[in-house]
Amino acid sequence: MAKLYFYYSSMNAGKSTTLLQSSYNYRERGMQTLVLTPELDVRFGEGTVSSRIGLTADATTFSTVDNLLAIVETVLAKQPLHCVLIDEAQFLTREQVHQLGDVADDHDIPVLCYGLRTDFQGKLFEGSRYLLAWADNLAEIKTICHCGSKATMVLRLDGTGHVIKHGEQIKIGGNESYQAVCRKHFKLGMATRDHPELPFEPPHNPTSD
């Protein structure tokens, strides 16, 4: 029986690199993969997954209203499919996580999802929340904070490198906009050793999440 996997991490842990390597491993053995990426992430061009070390691959884009099970079944009508890989899986909706579970359960195709666990305010993304709840296998891809400890959180930065504590949950950006840090430096608001900020402000009404 195929499984639904969630590989989660903070920023800059190599999620896209791992995804691209996994897809390459399948294809090297003559198997077909489908790489899906949210249409809102166009940092490297539409329909492209790219890693920080220079690896790239074509991908099929999807929006929050697309049925991912239907997309997979459309591909299956034309060719065999041996693995589905999702980049930036934190942007999935609850319904789409359920659909990916159907891909694994009904079509016996493994689904590998790669994404962030929490946002810049320490809150779970919708996609991550339901992947943590419903995935068969969970695995953390590790990276480190500027202090050398494991980075588990994300800070958002403005154009001058100072920490931003409020704003919309989704804002696409790379190293210029986000920094991976440990929990201690997330609470202190320290994106680097040399730039202490104001302490983290917890949500006023966390029970509403």
N, C-alpha and C. Protein backbone atom coordinates (compact mmCIF):
# COMPACT_ATOMS: atom_id res chain seq x y z
N MET A 1 0.85 -1.20 0.00
CA MET A 1 0.00 0.00 0.00
C MET A 1 0.88 1.25 0.00
N ALA A 2 0.62 2.16 -0.93
CA ALA A 2 1.37 3.40 -1.01
C ALA A 2 1.03 4.30 0.17
N LYS A 3 1.91 5.24 0.47
CA LYS A 3 1.74 6.10 1.62
C LYS A 3 1.81 7.57 1.24
N LEU A 4 1.27 8.39 2.13
CA LEU A 4 1.36 9.85 2.04
C LEU A 4 2.45 10.29 3.01
N TYR A 5 3.47 10.97 2.48
CA TYR A 5 4.62 11.40 3.28
C TYR A 5 4.64 12.92 3.41
N PHE A 6 5.08 13.39 4.57
CA PHE A 6 5.28 14.82 4.75
C PHE A 6 6.68 15.05 5.29
N TYR A 7 7.51 15.71 4.46
CA TYR A 7 8.86 16.10 4.85
C TYR A 7 8.82 17.60 5.17
N TYR A 8 8.99 17.95 6.42
CA TYR A 8 8.83 19.33 6.84
C TYR A 8 10.13 19.89 7.41
N SER A 9 10.22 21.21 7.40
CA SER A 9 11.43 21.85 7.92
C SER A 9 11.18 23.34 8.07
N SER A 10 12.22 24.03 8.49
CA SER A 10 12.25 25.49 8.46
C SER A 10 12.77 25.91 7.08
N MET A 11 13.01 27.20 6.89
CA MET A 11 13.55 27.70 5.62
C MET A 11 14.98 27.19 5.41
N ASN A 12 15.36 27.08 4.15
CA ASN A 12 16.74 26.81 3.76
C ASN A 12 17.28 25.48 4.28
N ALA A 13 16.40 24.49 4.37
CA ALA A 13 16.84 23.17 4.83
C ALA A 13 17.07 22.22 3.67
N GLY A 14 16.80 22.66 2.44
CA GLY A 14 17.02 21.80 1.29
C GLY A 14 15.81 20.97 0.89
N LYS A 15 14.60 21.47 1.18
CA LYS A 15 13.39 20.71 0.82
C LYS A 15 13.29 20.48 -0.68
N SER A 16 13.47 21.54 -1.47
CA SER A 16 13.35 21.41 -2.92
C SER A 16 14.46 20.54 -3.49
N THR A 17 15.65 20.64 -2.91
CA THR A 17 16.75 19.80 -3.35
C THR A 17 16.41 18.32 -3.13
N THR A 18 15.85 18.02 -1.96
CA THR A 18 15.48 16.64 -1.65
C THR A 18 14.37 16.15 -2.57
N LEU A 19 13.40 17.03 -2.84
CA LEU A 19 12.32 16.67 -3.76
C LEU A 19 12.87 16.34 -5.15
N LEU A 20 13.73 17.21 -5.66
CA LEU A 20 14.28 17.01 -7.00
C LEU A 20 15.13 15.75 -7.06
N GLN A 21 15.87 15.46 -6.00
CA GLN A 21 16.67 14.23 -5.96
C GLN A 21 15.77 13.00 -5.95
N SER A 22 14.67 13.07 -5.21
CA SER A 22 13.74 11.95 -5.16
C SER A 22 13.12 11.69 -6.54
N SER A 23 12.70 12.76 -7.22
CA SER A 23 12.15 12.61 -8.56
C SER A 23 13.17 12.04 -9.52
N TYR A 24 14.40 12.51 -9.43
CA TYR A 24 15.47 12.00 -10.28
C TYR A 24 15.71 10.52 -10.05
N ASN A 25 15.67 10.09 -8.80
CA ASN A 25 15.89 8.68 -8.48
C ASN A 25 14.85 7.79 -9.15
N TYR A 26 13.59 8.22 -9.12
CA TYR A 26 12.53 7.47 -9.80
C TYR A 26 12.78 7.42 -11.30
N ARG A 27 13.05 8.58 -11.89
CA ARG A 27 13.20 8.65 -13.34
C ARG A 27 14.44 7.91 -13.83
N GLU A 28 15.47 7.88 -13.01
CA GLU A 28 16.69 7.16 -13.39
C GLU A 28 16.41 5.66 -13.53
N ARG A 29 15.38 5.19 -12.86
CA ARG A 29 15.00 3.78 -12.92
C ARG A 29 13.86 3.53 -13.89
N GLY A 30 13.59 4.52 -14.75
CA GLY A 30 12.58 4.36 -15.78
C GLY A 30 11.15 4.57 -15.32
N MET A 31 10.98 5.16 -14.14
CA MET A 31 9.63 5.41 -13.61
C MET A 31 9.22 6.86 -13.87
N GLN A 32 7.92 7.08 -13.92
CA GLN A 32 7.38 8.41 -14.20
C GLN A 32 6.95 9.11 -12.91
N THR A 33 7.29 10.38 -12.80
CA THR A 33 6.87 11.17 -11.64
C THR A 33 6.07 12.38 -12.09
N LEU A 34 5.26 12.88 -11.17
CA LEU A 34 4.52 14.13 -11.39
C LEU A 34 4.92 15.09 -10.27
N VAL A 35 5.51 16.22 -10.64
CA VAL A 35 5.90 17.24 -9.67
C VAL A 35 4.87 18.36 -9.72
N LEU A 36 4.29 18.69 -8.57
CA LEU A 36 3.29 19.74 -8.47
C LEU A 36 3.82 20.88 -7.61
N THR A 37 3.54 22.11 -8.03
CA THR A 37 3.99 23.28 -7.27
C THR A 37 2.89 24.35 -7.29
N PRO A 38 2.71 25.10 -6.21
CA PRO A 38 1.66 26.13 -6.18
C PRO A 38 1.93 27.21 -7.23
N GLU A 39 0.87 27.65 -7.89
CA GLU A 39 1.03 28.65 -8.93
C GLU A 39 1.45 30.01 -8.38
N LEU A 40 1.26 30.25 -7.09
CA LEU A 40 1.62 31.56 -6.52
C LEU A 40 3.13 31.72 -6.34
N ASP A 41 3.90 30.63 -6.41
CA ASP A 41 5.35 30.73 -6.25
C ASP A 41 6.00 30.78 -7.62
N VAL A 42 6.32 31.99 -8.09
CA VAL A 42 6.91 32.17 -9.42
C VAL A 42 8.31 32.77 -9.32
N ARG A 43 8.98 32.55 -8.20
CA ARG A 43 10.32 33.11 -8.01
C ARG A 43 11.29 32.65 -9.08
N PHE A 44 11.13 31.42 -9.56
CA PHE A 44 12.06 30.85 -10.53
C PHE A 44 11.39 30.60 -11.88
N GLY A 45 10.25 31.26 -12.10
CA GLY A 45 9.49 31.07 -13.32
C GLY A 45 8.30 30.16 -13.08
N GLU A 46 7.26 30.36 -13.86
CA GLU A 46 6.04 29.58 -13.68
C GLU A 46 6.29 28.13 -14.06
N GLY A 47 5.78 27.22 -13.24
CA GLY A 47 5.90 25.80 -13.53
C GLY A 47 7.31 25.28 -13.39
N THR A 48 8.06 25.80 -12.43
CA THR A 48 9.44 25.37 -12.20
C THR A 48 9.70 25.18 -10.72
N VAL A 49 10.33 24.07 -10.37
CA VAL A 49 10.84 23.87 -9.02
C VAL A 49 12.35 24.02 -9.09
N SER A 50 12.89 24.87 -8.22
CA SER A 50 14.33 25.14 -8.25
C SER A 50 14.88 25.12 -6.84
N SER A 51 16.09 24.60 -6.70
CA SER A 51 16.74 24.55 -5.39
C SER A 51 17.81 25.63 -5.31
N ARG A 52 18.26 25.90 -4.09
CA ARG A 52 19.29 26.92 -3.88
C ARG A 52 20.64 26.51 -4.46
N ILE A 53 20.84 25.21 -4.70
CA ILE A 53 22.13 24.77 -5.23
C ILE A 53 22.10 24.63 -6.75
N GLY A 54 21.00 25.07 -7.38
CA GLY A 54 20.98 25.15 -8.83
C GLY A 54 20.23 24.05 -9.56
N LEU A 55 19.64 23.09 -8.84
CA LEU A 55 18.86 22.04 -9.50
C LEU A 55 17.49 22.59 -9.87
N THR A 56 16.97 22.22 -11.03
CA THR A 56 15.65 22.65 -11.45
C THR A 56 14.91 21.51 -12.14
N ALA A 57 13.60 21.63 -12.19
CA ALA A 57 12.78 20.66 -12.91
C ALA A 57 11.46 21.31 -13.27
N ASP A 58 10.89 20.87 -14.39
CA ASP A 58 9.56 21.35 -14.76
C ASP A 58 8.52 20.77 -13.80
N ALA A 59 7.46 21.54 -13.59
CA ALA A 59 6.41 21.11 -12.66
C ALA A 59 5.06 21.56 -13.19
N THR A 60 4.03 20.90 -12.71
CA THR A 60 2.65 21.29 -13.00
C THR A 60 2.17 22.18 -11.87
N THR A 61 1.64 23.35 -12.21
CA THR A 61 1.17 24.28 -11.19
C THR A 61 -0.27 23.97 -10.80
N PHE A 62 -0.60 24.36 -9.57
CA PHE A 62 -1.98 24.19 -9.10
C PHE A 62 -2.37 25.38 -8.24
N SER A 63 -3.65 25.65 -8.17
CA SER A 63 -4.18 26.70 -7.32
C SER A 63 -4.94 26.06 -6.16
N THR A 64 -5.41 26.88 -5.25
CA THR A 64 -6.10 26.35 -4.08
C THR A 64 -7.46 25.75 -4.42
N VAL A 65 -7.97 26.02 -5.62
CA VAL A 65 -9.28 25.47 -5.99
C VAL A 65 -9.15 24.22 -6.86
N ASP A 66 -7.95 23.83 -7.23
CA ASP A 66 -7.77 22.66 -8.08
C ASP A 66 -7.93 21.37 -7.29
N ASN A 67 -8.50 20.37 -7.96
CA ASN A 67 -8.63 19.04 -7.40
C ASN A 67 -7.39 18.24 -7.79
N LEU A 68 -6.53 17.95 -6.84
CA LEU A 68 -5.26 17.30 -7.15
C LEU A 68 -5.45 15.84 -7.53
N LEU A 69 -6.47 15.20 -7.00
CA LEU A 69 -6.79 13.84 -7.41
C LEU A 69 -7.17 13.81 -8.88
N ALA A 70 -7.96 14.80 -9.32
CA ALA A 70 -8.36 14.87 -10.73
C ALA A 70 -7.16 15.12 -11.63
N ILE A 71 -6.22 15.97 -11.18
CA ILE A 71 -5.02 16.23 -11.97
C ILE A 71 -4.22 14.94 -12.15
N VAL A 72 -4.07 14.19 -11.07
CA VAL A 72 -3.33 12.92 -11.15
C VAL A 72 -4.04 11.94 -12.06
N GLU A 73 -5.35 11.86 -11.97
CA GLU A 73 -6.10 10.90 -12.80
C GLU A 73 -6.04 11.29 -14.27
N THR A 74 -5.95 12.57 -14.58
CA THR A 74 -5.77 13.01 -15.96
C THR A 74 -4.44 12.52 -16.51
N VAL A 75 -3.40 12.61 -15.71
CA VAL A 75 -2.08 12.11 -16.14
C VAL A 75 -2.11 10.60 -16.29
N LEU A 76 -2.77 9.91 -15.36
CA LEU A 76 -2.84 8.45 -15.41
C LEU A 76 -3.56 7.94 -16.65
N ALA A 77 -4.47 8.75 -17.18
CA ALA A 77 -5.19 8.34 -18.39
C ALA A 77 -4.28 8.33 -19.61
N LYS A 78 -3.12 9.00 -19.50
CA LYS A 78 -2.20 9.10 -20.63
C LYS A 78 -0.95 8.24 -20.46
N GLN A 79 -0.55 8.01 -19.21
CA GLN A 79 0.70 7.30 -18.97
C GLN A 79 0.73 6.75 -17.55
N PRO A 80 1.58 5.76 -17.29
CA PRO A 80 1.74 5.28 -15.91
C PRO A 80 2.36 6.38 -15.05
N LEU A 81 2.13 6.29 -13.76
CA LEU A 81 2.66 7.26 -12.82
C LEU A 81 3.10 6.52 -11.56
N HIS A 82 4.33 6.76 -11.14
CA HIS A 82 4.89 5.98 -10.04
C HIS A 82 5.10 6.79 -8.77
N CYS A 83 5.06 8.10 -8.86
CA CYS A 83 5.22 8.93 -7.66
C CYS A 83 4.73 10.34 -7.94
N VAL A 84 4.07 10.95 -6.93
CA VAL A 84 3.64 12.35 -6.99
C VAL A 84 4.42 13.11 -5.92
N LEU A 85 5.00 14.24 -6.32
CA LEU A 85 5.81 15.04 -5.40
C LEU A 85 5.26 16.46 -5.35
N ILE A 86 5.08 16.99 -4.14
CA ILE A 86 4.48 18.31 -3.94
C ILE A 86 5.51 19.26 -3.34
N ASP A 87 5.81 20.35 -4.03
CA ASP A 87 6.69 21.38 -3.50
C ASP A 87 5.85 22.43 -2.77
N GLU A 88 6.43 23.06 -1.74
CA GLU A 88 5.74 24.10 -0.95
C GLU A 88 4.38 23.60 -0.47
N ALA A 89 4.39 22.42 0.15
CA ALA A 89 3.14 21.75 0.53
C ALA A 89 2.37 22.49 1.62
N GLN A 90 3.01 23.45 2.29
CA GLN A 90 2.30 24.22 3.31
C GLN A 90 1.14 25.00 2.71
N PHE A 91 1.16 25.24 1.39
CA PHE A 91 0.11 26.02 0.75
C PHE A 91 -1.07 25.17 0.29
N LEU A 92 -1.04 23.87 0.55
CA LEU A 92 -2.19 23.02 0.24
C LEU A 92 -3.38 23.40 1.12
N THR A 93 -4.57 23.13 0.64
CA THR A 93 -5.77 23.28 1.46
C THR A 93 -6.08 21.95 2.14
N ARG A 94 -6.98 22.01 3.10
CA ARG A 94 -7.42 20.80 3.77
C ARG A 94 -7.95 19.78 2.77
N GLU A 95 -8.76 20.26 1.81
CA GLU A 95 -9.35 19.36 0.82
C GLU A 95 -8.27 18.73 -0.06
N GLN A 96 -7.25 19.49 -0.39
CA GLN A 96 -6.20 18.96 -1.24
C GLN A 96 -5.35 17.91 -0.53
N VAL A 97 -5.12 18.08 0.76
CA VAL A 97 -4.43 17.04 1.51
C VAL A 97 -5.24 15.76 1.49
N HIS A 98 -6.55 15.88 1.65
CA HIS A 98 -7.44 14.71 1.57
C HIS A 98 -7.35 14.06 0.19
N GLN A 99 -7.32 14.88 -0.86
CA GLN A 99 -7.21 14.35 -2.22
C GLN A 99 -5.91 13.60 -2.44
N LEU A 100 -4.83 14.11 -1.87
CA LEU A 100 -3.54 13.42 -2.00
C LEU A 100 -3.55 12.09 -1.26
N GLY A 101 -4.28 12.05 -0.15
CA GLY A 101 -4.47 10.77 0.53
C GLY A 101 -5.20 9.78 -0.35
N ASP A 102 -6.17 10.27 -1.13
CA ASP A 102 -6.91 9.41 -2.07
C ASP A 102 -5.99 8.89 -3.17
N VAL A 103 -5.03 9.72 -3.61
CA VAL A 103 -4.07 9.27 -4.62
C VAL A 103 -3.31 8.05 -4.11
N ALA A 104 -2.84 8.14 -2.86
CA ALA A 104 -2.11 7.02 -2.27
C ALA A 104 -3.01 5.82 -2.03
N ASP A 105 -4.21 6.06 -1.51
CA ASP A 105 -5.09 4.96 -1.11
C ASP A 105 -5.78 4.30 -2.29
N ASP A 106 -6.26 5.11 -3.25
CA ASP A 106 -7.07 4.57 -4.34
C ASP A 106 -6.24 4.14 -5.55
N HIS A 107 -5.09 4.77 -5.75
CA HIS A 107 -4.27 4.47 -6.92
C HIS A 107 -2.93 3.82 -6.58
N ASP A 108 -2.68 3.64 -5.31
CA ASP A 108 -1.45 2.98 -4.84
C ASP A 108 -0.21 3.68 -5.37
N ILE A 109 -0.24 5.03 -5.35
CA ILE A 109 0.89 5.85 -5.79
C ILE A 109 1.42 6.62 -4.59
N PRO A 110 2.68 6.47 -4.25
CA PRO A 110 3.22 7.25 -3.13
C PRO A 110 3.19 8.74 -3.42
N VAL A 111 2.86 9.53 -2.40
CA VAL A 111 2.81 10.99 -2.51
C VAL A 111 3.79 11.57 -1.51
N LEU A 112 4.76 12.34 -2.01
CA LEU A 112 5.81 12.93 -1.18
C LEU A 112 5.61 14.44 -1.13
N CYS A 113 5.28 14.96 0.04
CA CYS A 113 5.02 16.38 0.22
C CYS A 113 6.17 17.02 0.99
N TYR A 114 6.61 18.19 0.51
CA TYR A 114 7.73 18.91 1.13
C TYR A 114 7.27 20.33 1.44
N GLY A 115 7.42 20.75 2.70
CA GLY A 115 6.98 22.10 3.02
C GLY A 115 7.39 22.57 4.39
N LEU A 116 7.07 23.83 4.67
CA LEU A 116 7.31 24.41 5.98
C LEU A 116 6.26 23.91 6.96
N ARG A 117 6.64 23.87 8.22
CA ARG A 117 5.67 23.50 9.25
C ARG A 117 4.91 24.73 9.75
N THR A 118 5.65 25.80 10.09
CA THR A 118 5.03 26.99 10.67
C THR A 118 5.41 28.25 9.91
N ASP A 119 4.62 29.30 10.11
CA ASP A 119 4.87 30.57 9.46
C ASP A 119 5.72 31.48 10.34
N PHE A 120 5.84 32.76 9.96
CA PHE A 120 6.73 33.69 10.66
C PHE A 120 6.19 34.11 12.02
N GLN A 121 4.93 33.75 12.33
CA GLN A 121 4.37 34.02 13.65
C GLN A 121 4.28 32.75 14.50
N GLY A 122 4.86 31.68 14.01
CA GLY A 122 4.84 30.42 14.76
C GLY A 122 3.55 29.64 14.64
N LYS A 123 2.71 29.98 13.67
CA LYS A 123 1.44 29.28 13.46
C LYS A 123 1.58 28.26 12.34
N LEU A 124 0.84 27.17 12.47
CA LEU A 124 0.82 26.16 11.42
C LEU A 124 0.13 26.70 10.17
N PHE A 125 0.70 26.38 9.00
CA PHE A 125 -0.01 26.60 7.74
C PHE A 125 -1.13 25.56 7.64
N GLU A 126 -2.15 25.85 6.82
CA GLU A 126 -3.26 24.92 6.68
C GLU A 126 -2.78 23.57 6.13
N GLY A 127 -1.99 23.62 5.06
CA GLY A 127 -1.52 22.37 4.48
C GLY A 127 -0.69 21.56 5.45
N SER A 128 0.19 22.22 6.18
CA SER A 128 1.05 21.54 7.14
C SER A 128 0.23 20.93 8.27
N ARG A 129 -0.78 21.66 8.72
CA ARG A 129 -1.61 21.17 9.82
C ARG A 129 -2.24 19.83 9.46
N TYR A 130 -2.80 19.73 8.25
CA TYR A 130 -3.50 18.50 7.91
C TYR A 130 -2.55 17.40 7.44
N LEU A 131 -1.40 17.77 6.92
CA LEU A 131 -0.40 16.76 6.63
C LEU A 131 0.15 16.16 7.91
N LEU A 132 0.38 16.98 8.93
CA LEU A 132 0.83 16.45 10.21
C LEU A 132 -0.21 15.52 10.81
N ALA A 133 -1.48 15.81 10.55
CA ALA A 133 -2.56 14.98 11.10
C ALA A 133 -2.79 13.71 10.31
N TRP A 134 -2.65 13.78 8.97
CA TRP A 134 -3.12 12.68 8.12
C TRP A 134 -2.02 11.89 7.41
N ALA A 135 -0.83 12.41 7.33
CA ALA A 135 0.22 11.69 6.59
C ALA A 135 0.59 10.40 7.31
N ASP A 136 0.95 9.39 6.51
CA ASP A 136 1.38 8.11 7.09
C ASP A 136 2.76 8.22 7.70
N ASN A 137 3.63 9.00 7.07
CA ASN A 137 5.01 9.15 7.53
C ASN A 137 5.38 10.62 7.63
N LEU A 138 5.98 11.00 8.75
CA LEU A 138 6.47 12.36 8.97
C LEU A 138 7.98 12.31 9.14
N ALA A 139 8.68 13.24 8.48
CA ALA A 139 10.13 13.29 8.61
C ALA A 139 10.57 14.74 8.59
N GLU A 140 11.47 15.09 9.49
CA GLU A 140 11.99 16.44 9.56
C GLU A 140 13.29 16.54 8.76
N ILE A 141 13.38 17.57 7.92
CA ILE A 141 14.62 17.89 7.22
C ILE A 141 15.27 19.02 8.02
N LYS A 142 16.44 18.77 8.54
CA LYS A 142 17.02 19.68 9.52
C LYS A 142 17.93 20.73 8.89
N THR A 143 17.93 21.90 9.52
CA THR A 143 18.89 22.96 9.21
C THR A 143 19.25 23.63 10.53
N ILE A 144 20.16 24.61 10.49
CA ILE A 144 20.64 25.19 11.74
C ILE A 144 20.41 26.70 11.80
N CYS A 145 20.29 27.17 13.02
CA CYS A 145 20.20 28.60 13.33
C CYS A 145 21.60 29.21 13.27
N HIS A 146 21.67 30.54 13.28
CA HIS A 146 22.96 31.22 13.29
C HIS A 146 23.77 30.92 14.54
N CYS A 147 23.11 30.39 15.59
CA CYS A 147 23.83 30.05 16.82
C CYS A 147 24.37 28.63 16.79
N GLY A 148 24.00 27.86 15.77
CA GLY A 148 24.45 26.48 15.67
C GLY A 148 23.44 25.46 16.14
N SER A 149 22.38 25.88 16.82
CA SER A 149 21.32 24.97 17.24
C SER A 149 20.40 24.65 16.06
N LYS A 150 19.60 23.59 16.23
CA LYS A 150 18.66 23.24 15.17
C LYS A 150 17.64 24.35 14.97
N ALA A 151 17.42 24.74 13.72
CA ALA A 151 16.42 25.77 13.40
C ALA A 151 15.07 25.10 13.18
N THR A 152 14.09 25.55 13.92
CA THR A 152 12.73 25.01 13.80
C THR A 152 11.70 26.07 13.45
N MET A 153 12.09 27.35 13.47
CA MET A 153 11.16 28.45 13.27
C MET A 153 11.64 29.34 12.13
N VAL A 154 10.77 30.29 11.75
CA VAL A 154 11.08 31.21 10.65
C VAL A 154 10.79 32.64 11.08
N LEU A 155 11.71 33.54 10.81
CA LEU A 155 11.49 34.97 11.00
C LEU A 155 11.33 35.64 9.64
N ARG A 156 10.40 36.59 9.56
CA ARG A 156 10.24 37.38 8.32
C ARG A 156 10.99 38.70 8.48
N LEU A 157 11.66 39.11 7.41
CA LEU A 157 12.48 40.32 7.44
C LEU A 157 11.95 41.36 6.45
N ASP A 158 12.19 42.64 6.78
CA ASP A 158 11.87 43.69 5.83
C ASP A 158 13.09 43.96 4.93
N GLY A 159 13.02 45.00 4.14
CA GLY A 159 14.10 45.28 3.19
C GLY A 159 15.41 45.67 3.82
N THR A 160 15.39 46.02 5.11
CA THR A 160 16.62 46.40 5.80
C THR A 160 17.14 45.30 6.71
N GLY A 161 16.48 44.14 6.69
CA GLY A 161 16.93 43.03 7.51
C GLY A 161 16.36 42.99 8.90
N HIS A 162 15.38 43.85 9.20
CA HIS A 162 14.76 43.85 10.51
C HIS A 162 13.54 42.94 10.53
N VAL A 163 13.26 42.37 11.68
CA VAL A 163 12.20 41.38 11.83
C VAL A 163 10.82 42.04 11.75
N ILE A 164 9.92 41.41 10.99
CA ILE A 164 8.53 41.83 10.89
C ILE A 164 7.68 40.85 11.69
N LYS A 165 6.81 41.35 12.55
CA LYS A 165 6.03 40.49 13.43
C LYS A 165 4.56 40.40 13.06
N HIS A 166 4.11 41.23 12.12
CA HIS A 166 2.69 41.24 11.75
C HIS A 166 2.56 41.28 10.23
N GLY A 167 1.43 40.78 9.73
CA GLY A 167 1.18 40.81 8.30
C GLY A 167 0.48 39.55 7.83
N GLU A 168 0.22 39.49 6.52
CA GLU A 168 -0.43 38.32 5.94
C GLU A 168 0.44 37.08 6.10
N GLN A 169 -0.21 35.94 6.26
CA GLN A 169 0.55 34.71 6.47
C GLN A 169 1.40 34.36 5.27
N ILE A 170 0.83 34.54 4.06
CA ILE A 170 1.53 34.12 2.86
C ILE A 170 2.17 35.31 2.16
N LYS A 171 3.48 35.27 2.06
CA LYS A 171 4.26 36.24 1.30
C LYS A 171 5.47 35.49 0.76
N ILE A 172 5.51 35.36 -0.56
CA ILE A 172 6.57 34.57 -1.19
C ILE A 172 7.89 35.32 -1.10
N GLY A 173 8.94 34.60 -0.71
CA GLY A 173 10.25 35.22 -0.63
C GLY A 173 11.31 34.19 -0.29
N GLY A 174 12.56 34.59 -0.45
CA GLY A 174 13.68 33.70 -0.16
C GLY A 174 14.50 34.23 0.99
N ASN A 175 15.83 34.13 0.85
CA ASN A 175 16.72 34.54 1.93
C ASN A 175 16.62 36.02 2.27
N GLU A 176 16.18 36.83 1.29
CA GLU A 176 16.05 38.26 1.55
C GLU A 176 14.86 38.57 2.44
N SER A 177 13.93 37.63 2.57
CA SER A 177 12.69 37.87 3.30
C SER A 177 12.52 37.00 4.54
N TYR A 178 13.24 35.89 4.62
CA TYR A 178 13.04 34.95 5.72
C TYR A 178 14.38 34.43 6.24
N GLN A 179 14.39 34.09 7.52
CA GLN A 179 15.58 33.51 8.14
C GLN A 179 15.16 32.38 9.06
N ALA A 180 15.80 31.23 8.92
CA ALA A 180 15.53 30.10 9.80
C ALA A 180 16.30 30.27 11.10
N VAL A 181 15.60 30.08 12.23
CA VAL A 181 16.23 30.25 13.54
C VAL A 181 15.71 29.18 14.50
N CYS A 182 16.41 29.02 15.62
CA CYS A 182 15.95 28.14 16.68
C CYS A 182 14.81 28.82 17.45
N ARG A 183 14.16 28.06 18.33
CA ARG A 183 13.04 28.62 19.08
C ARG A 183 13.47 29.80 19.96
N LYS A 184 14.63 29.69 20.59
CA LYS A 184 15.11 30.78 21.46
C LYS A 184 15.25 32.07 20.69
N HIS A 185 15.90 32.05 19.53
CA HIS A 185 16.13 33.28 18.79
C HIS A 185 14.87 33.72 18.03
N PHE A 186 13.95 32.81 17.82
CA PHE A 186 12.63 33.21 17.31
C PHE A 186 11.92 34.05 18.36
N LYS A 187 11.94 33.60 19.61
CA LYS A 187 11.29 34.35 20.68
C LYS A 187 11.97 35.69 20.93
N LEU A 188 13.29 35.73 20.76
CA LEU A 188 14.03 36.99 20.93
C LEU A 188 13.96 37.88 19.70
N GLY A 189 13.52 37.32 18.57
CA GLY A 189 13.47 38.10 17.34
C GLY A 189 14.83 38.40 16.78
N MET A 190 15.77 37.47 16.91
CA MET A 190 17.13 37.68 16.43
C MET A 190 17.36 36.88 15.15
N ALA A 191 17.38 37.59 14.01
CA ALA A 191 17.61 36.93 12.73
C ALA A 191 19.08 36.61 12.52
N THR A 192 19.96 37.38 13.13
CA THR A 192 21.39 37.13 13.07
C THR A 192 21.97 37.39 14.45
N ARG A 193 23.23 37.06 14.65
CA ARG A 193 23.89 37.31 15.93
C ARG A 193 23.96 38.79 16.27
N ASP A 194 24.00 39.63 15.24
CA ASP A 194 24.28 41.05 15.44
C ASP A 194 23.06 41.94 15.42
N HIS A 195 21.85 41.36 15.24
CA HIS A 195 20.66 42.20 15.10
C HIS A 195 19.56 41.75 16.05
N PRO A 196 19.68 42.02 17.34
CA PRO A 196 18.58 41.71 18.26
C PRO A 196 17.38 42.60 17.99
N GLU A 197 16.20 42.02 18.09
CA GLU A 197 14.97 42.76 17.84
C GLU A 197 14.09 42.70 19.09
N LEU A 198 12.85 43.10 18.95
CA LEU A 198 11.91 43.00 20.05
C LEU A 198 11.50 41.54 20.24
N PRO A 199 11.14 41.13 21.45
CA PRO A 199 10.72 39.75 21.69
C PRO A 199 9.48 39.39 20.86
N PHE A 200 9.33 38.11 20.60
CA PHE A 200 8.17 37.61 19.88
C PHE A 200 6.90 37.89 20.65
N GLU A 201 5.85 38.33 19.93
CA GLU A 201 4.56 38.58 20.54
C GLU A 201 3.62 37.42 20.20
N PRO A 202 3.21 36.61 21.18
CA PRO A 202 2.32 35.49 20.87
C PRO A 202 0.96 35.98 20.40
N PRO A 203 0.21 35.15 19.65
CA PRO A 203 -1.12 35.55 19.18
C PRO A 203 -2.01 35.93 20.36
N HIS A 204 -2.87 36.92 20.16
CA HIS A 204 -3.75 37.39 21.23
C HIS A 204 -4.82 36.35 21.57
N ASN A 205 -5.23 35.55 20.56
CA ASN A 205 -6.30 34.59 20.77
C ASN A 205 -5.93 33.26 20.13
N PRO A 206 -4.95 32.55 20.70
CA PRO A 206 -4.49 31.32 20.07
C PRO A 206 -5.54 30.24 19.99
N THR A 207 -6.59 30.30 20.81
CA THR A 207 -7.62 29.25 20.78
C THR A 207 -8.45 29.32 19.51
N SER A 208 -8.37 30.42 18.77
CA SER A 208 -9.16 30.56 17.54
C SER A 208 -8.51 29.91 16.36
N ASP A 209 -7.24 29.47 16.48
CA ASP A 209 -6.51 28.85 15.37
C ASP A 209 -7.07 27.48 15.03
